[in-house]
Amino acid sequence: MSLVAKLTLASSVIVSAGIVYYVHYKQNLDRTSLHEGVIRDIERQKRRRAENLYMLQQQIDLSKELKKNQLSVADDGNKA
């Protein structure tokens, strides 16, 4: 085997190994970023759920207050 053939074989093996390494590295990087996206989505859903529960509780409190005010106005109207 000539020196040129050996160098060509060695360089093609090195380039192929580099490509395989890069593809695996890129796959792991993509998989990690996708997983982080899922975690962020779950956290965003939890935060929205907490905000919605807080707003619902505020609406319930306001409804109770409104009913109490309506009852007190109705009682005042009956007394007059």
Protein backbone atom coordinates (compact mmCIF):
# COMPACT_ATOMS: atom_id res chain seq x y z
CA MET A 1 0.00 0.00 0.00
CA SER A 2 1.42 3.36 -0.96
CA LEU A 3 1.84 6.29 1.39
CA VAL A 4 -0.86 8.31 -0.42
CA ALA A 5 -3.35 5.45 -0.04
CA LYS A 6 -2.56 5.14 3.67
CA LEU A 7 -3.00 8.89 4.21
CA THR A 8 -6.27 8.85 2.28
CA LEU A 9 -7.57 5.93 4.32
CA ALA A 10 -6.48 7.52 7.60
CA SER A 11 -8.03 10.89 6.74
CA SER A 12 -11.33 9.31 5.64
CA VAL A 13 -11.47 7.29 8.89
CA ILE A 14 -10.78 10.41 10.95
CA VAL A 15 -13.38 12.46 9.07
CA SER A 16 -15.96 9.67 9.41
CA ALA A 17 -15.29 9.33 13.13
CA GLY A 18 -15.61 13.10 13.53
CA ILE A 19 -18.95 13.13 11.71
CA VAL A 20 -20.29 10.27 13.83
CA TYR A 21 -19.16 12.03 17.02
CA TYR A 22 -20.76 15.31 15.93
CA VAL A 23 -24.07 13.63 15.09
CA HIS A 24 -24.23 11.92 18.49
CA TYR A 25 -23.25 15.13 20.27
CA LYS A 26 -25.91 17.08 18.36
CA GLN A 27 -28.56 14.44 19.15
CA ASN A 28 -27.81 14.63 22.86
CA LEU A 29 -27.87 18.41 22.75
CA ASP A 30 -31.22 18.43 20.93
CA ARG A 31 -32.68 15.86 23.31
CA THR A 32 -31.59 17.93 26.30
CA SER A 33 -33.07 21.14 24.90
CA LEU A 34 -36.36 19.39 24.09
CA HIS A 35 -36.55 18.03 27.63
CA GLU A 36 -35.90 21.49 29.07
CA GLY A 37 -38.72 22.82 26.89
CA VAL A 38 -41.10 20.26 28.35
CA ILE A 39 -40.06 21.21 31.87
CA ARG A 40 -40.63 24.91 31.09
CA ASP A 41 -44.08 24.11 29.68
CA ILE A 42 -45.03 22.17 32.82
CA GLU A 43 -43.86 25.05 35.03
CA ARG A 44 -45.81 27.53 32.87
CA GLN A 45 -48.95 25.39 33.20
CA LYS A 46 -48.54 25.23 36.98
CA ARG A 47 -48.08 29.00 37.16
CA ARG A 48 -51.19 29.59 35.01
CA ARG A 49 -53.20 27.15 37.10
CA ALA A 50 -52.17 28.99 40.28
CA GLU A 51 -53.09 32.35 38.73
CA ASN A 52 -56.45 31.00 37.59
CA LEU A 53 -57.19 29.62 41.05
CA TYR A 54 -56.27 32.95 42.61
CA MET A 55 -58.55 34.82 40.19
CA LEU A 56 -61.35 32.33 40.82
CA GLN A 57 -61.02 32.83 44.57
CA GLN A 58 -61.15 36.60 44.09
CA GLN A 59 -64.31 36.25 42.01
CA ILE A 60 -65.89 34.02 44.67
CA ASP A 61 -65.03 36.57 47.36
CA LEU A 62 -66.45 39.41 45.29
CA SER A 63 -69.63 37.44 44.62
CA LYS A 64 -70.08 36.80 48.35
CA GLU A 65 -69.54 40.48 49.10
CA LEU A 66 -71.99 41.51 46.40
CA LYS A 67 -74.65 39.12 47.71
CA LYS A 68 -74.10 40.41 51.25
CA ASN A 69 -74.45 44.02 50.03
CA GLN A 70 -77.61 43.16 48.10
CA LEU A 71 -79.10 41.49 51.17
CA SER A 72 -78.27 44.49 53.35
CA VAL A 73 -79.84 46.85 50.81
CA ALA A 74 -82.92 44.66 50.63
CA ASP A 75 -83.15 44.58 54.44
CA ASP A 76 -82.82 48.35 54.60
CA GLY A 77 -85.61 48.69 52.03
CA ASN A 78 -87.88 46.42 54.07
CA LYS A 79 -87.27 48.45 57.25
CA ALA A 80 -88.16 51.74 55.63
